[in-house]
Amino acid sequence: MSIFVGNLSYEVTEQDINTVFAEYGTVKQVKLPTDRETGKMRGFAFVEMGNEDEEAKAIEELEGAEWMGRSLTINKARPRENRSGDGRR
C-alpha cells in the first residue's frame, strides 16, 4: 500500500519528500506524477514506506501539516480505477 500526499508545492522534489517521510521510517519509493503535456508536477505524490505501521504514523503526523506554505492532505492511496478511454464502463 502507499500514501497519497496532496496539496504539494509545485517546487517540491522527490528528495524533499523523501527527507520528510524518512523521519517516520524507511521510504521505499516516491512517485511525483507530472502532466503529460507540460511536464510540470501535478501537485501530489505517492510514497511507499517500509511497512504499514510506518505509513500509519506518517499519515497521522503529517495530515494537515503546513509544509512549504501549504497544508498537506495525506491518506492511504486508493487503487487506481480502470479507465477504458472510450467513456463506457
Protein backbone atom coordinates (compact mmCIF):
# COMPACT_ATOMS: atom_id res chain seq x y z
CA MET A 1 0.00 0.00 0.00
CA SER A 2 1.14 3.56 -0.47
CA ILE A 3 0.35 7.02 0.83
CA PHE A 4 -1.29 9.77 -1.21
CA VAL A 5 0.24 13.20 -0.49
CA GLY A 6 -1.81 16.08 -1.86
CA ASN A 7 -1.68 19.87 -2.00
CA LEU A 8 2.08 19.88 -2.55
CA SER A 9 4.03 22.91 -3.62
CA TYR A 10 4.92 22.72 -7.32
CA GLU A 11 8.55 23.36 -6.28
CA VAL A 12 8.86 20.14 -4.22
CA THR A 13 11.30 17.41 -5.29
CA GLU A 14 11.47 13.67 -4.67
CA GLN A 15 14.38 14.33 -2.31
CA ASP A 16 12.29 16.84 -0.28
CA ILE A 17 9.52 14.28 0.18
CA ASN A 18 11.99 11.51 0.94
CA THR A 19 13.59 13.62 3.67
CA VAL A 20 10.27 14.41 5.37
CA PHE A 21 8.90 10.86 5.26
CA ALA A 22 12.22 9.29 6.34
CA GLU A 23 11.53 10.71 9.81
CA TYR A 24 8.74 8.10 10.11
CA GLY A 25 10.55 5.07 8.71
CA THR A 26 12.02 3.57 5.57
CA VAL A 27 10.95 5.23 2.33
CA LYS A 28 10.87 2.60 -0.40
CA GLN A 29 9.68 4.79 -3.25
CA VAL A 30 8.43 8.30 -4.07
CA LYS A 31 6.41 8.98 -7.23
CA LEU A 32 5.80 12.57 -8.36
CA PRO A 33 3.37 12.45 -11.31
CA THR A 34 3.82 15.09 -13.98
CA ASP A 35 1.44 16.47 -16.58
CA ARG A 36 1.86 14.67 -19.91
CA GLU A 37 1.62 17.83 -21.97
CA THR A 38 3.56 20.35 -19.89
CA GLY A 39 5.90 18.08 -17.93
CA LYS A 40 5.13 20.10 -14.79
CA MET A 41 4.41 18.48 -11.45
CA ARG A 42 0.71 17.93 -10.74
CA GLY A 43 0.78 18.88 -7.03
CA PHE A 44 0.57 15.43 -5.50
CA ALA A 45 2.76 12.39 -4.86
CA PHE A 46 2.67 8.77 -3.77
CA VAL A 47 5.02 7.49 -1.07
CA GLU A 48 5.65 3.84 -0.30
CA MET A 49 7.00 3.15 3.18
CA GLY A 50 8.71 0.07 4.65
CA ASN A 51 5.60 -1.24 6.42
CA GLU A 52 2.03 -0.33 7.37
CA ASP A 53 2.97 0.89 10.86
CA GLU A 54 5.36 3.43 9.36
CA GLU A 55 2.69 4.51 6.87
CA ALA A 56 0.10 4.91 9.62
CA LYS A 57 2.49 7.00 11.73
CA ALA A 58 3.38 9.27 8.78
CA ILE A 59 -0.31 9.75 7.88
CA GLU A 60 -1.23 10.56 11.48
CA GLU A 61 1.62 13.02 11.98
CA LEU A 62 1.59 14.78 8.62
CA GLU A 63 -2.14 15.08 7.76
CA GLY A 64 -2.94 18.80 7.74
CA ALA A 65 0.66 19.79 8.49
CA GLU A 66 1.93 23.03 6.98
CA TRP A 67 4.86 22.41 4.62
CA MET A 68 6.37 24.76 2.04
CA GLY A 69 3.47 27.17 2.55
CA ARG A 70 0.72 24.58 2.04
CA SER A 71 -1.49 22.44 4.27
CA LEU A 72 -0.85 18.81 3.31
CA THR A 73 -3.57 16.28 2.55
CA ILE A 74 -2.33 12.81 3.41
CA ASN A 75 -4.15 9.47 3.40
CA LYS A 76 -3.86 5.89 2.19
CA ALA A 77 -3.79 5.78 -1.58
CA ARG A 78 -6.81 4.18 -3.22
CA PRO A 79 -6.32 1.66 -6.03
CA ARG A 80 -6.36 3.26 -9.47
CA GLU A 81 -9.68 2.96 -11.28
CA ASN A 82 -9.71 1.22 -14.65
CA ARG A 83 -10.31 3.68 -17.44
CA SER A 84 -11.10 2.32 -20.87
CA GLY A 85 -10.71 5.71 -22.52
CA ASP A 86 -13.89 5.42 -24.58
CA GLY A 87 -16.31 6.73 -21.94
CA ARG A 88 -18.01 3.36 -21.39
CA ARG A 89 -17.94 1.41 -18.16
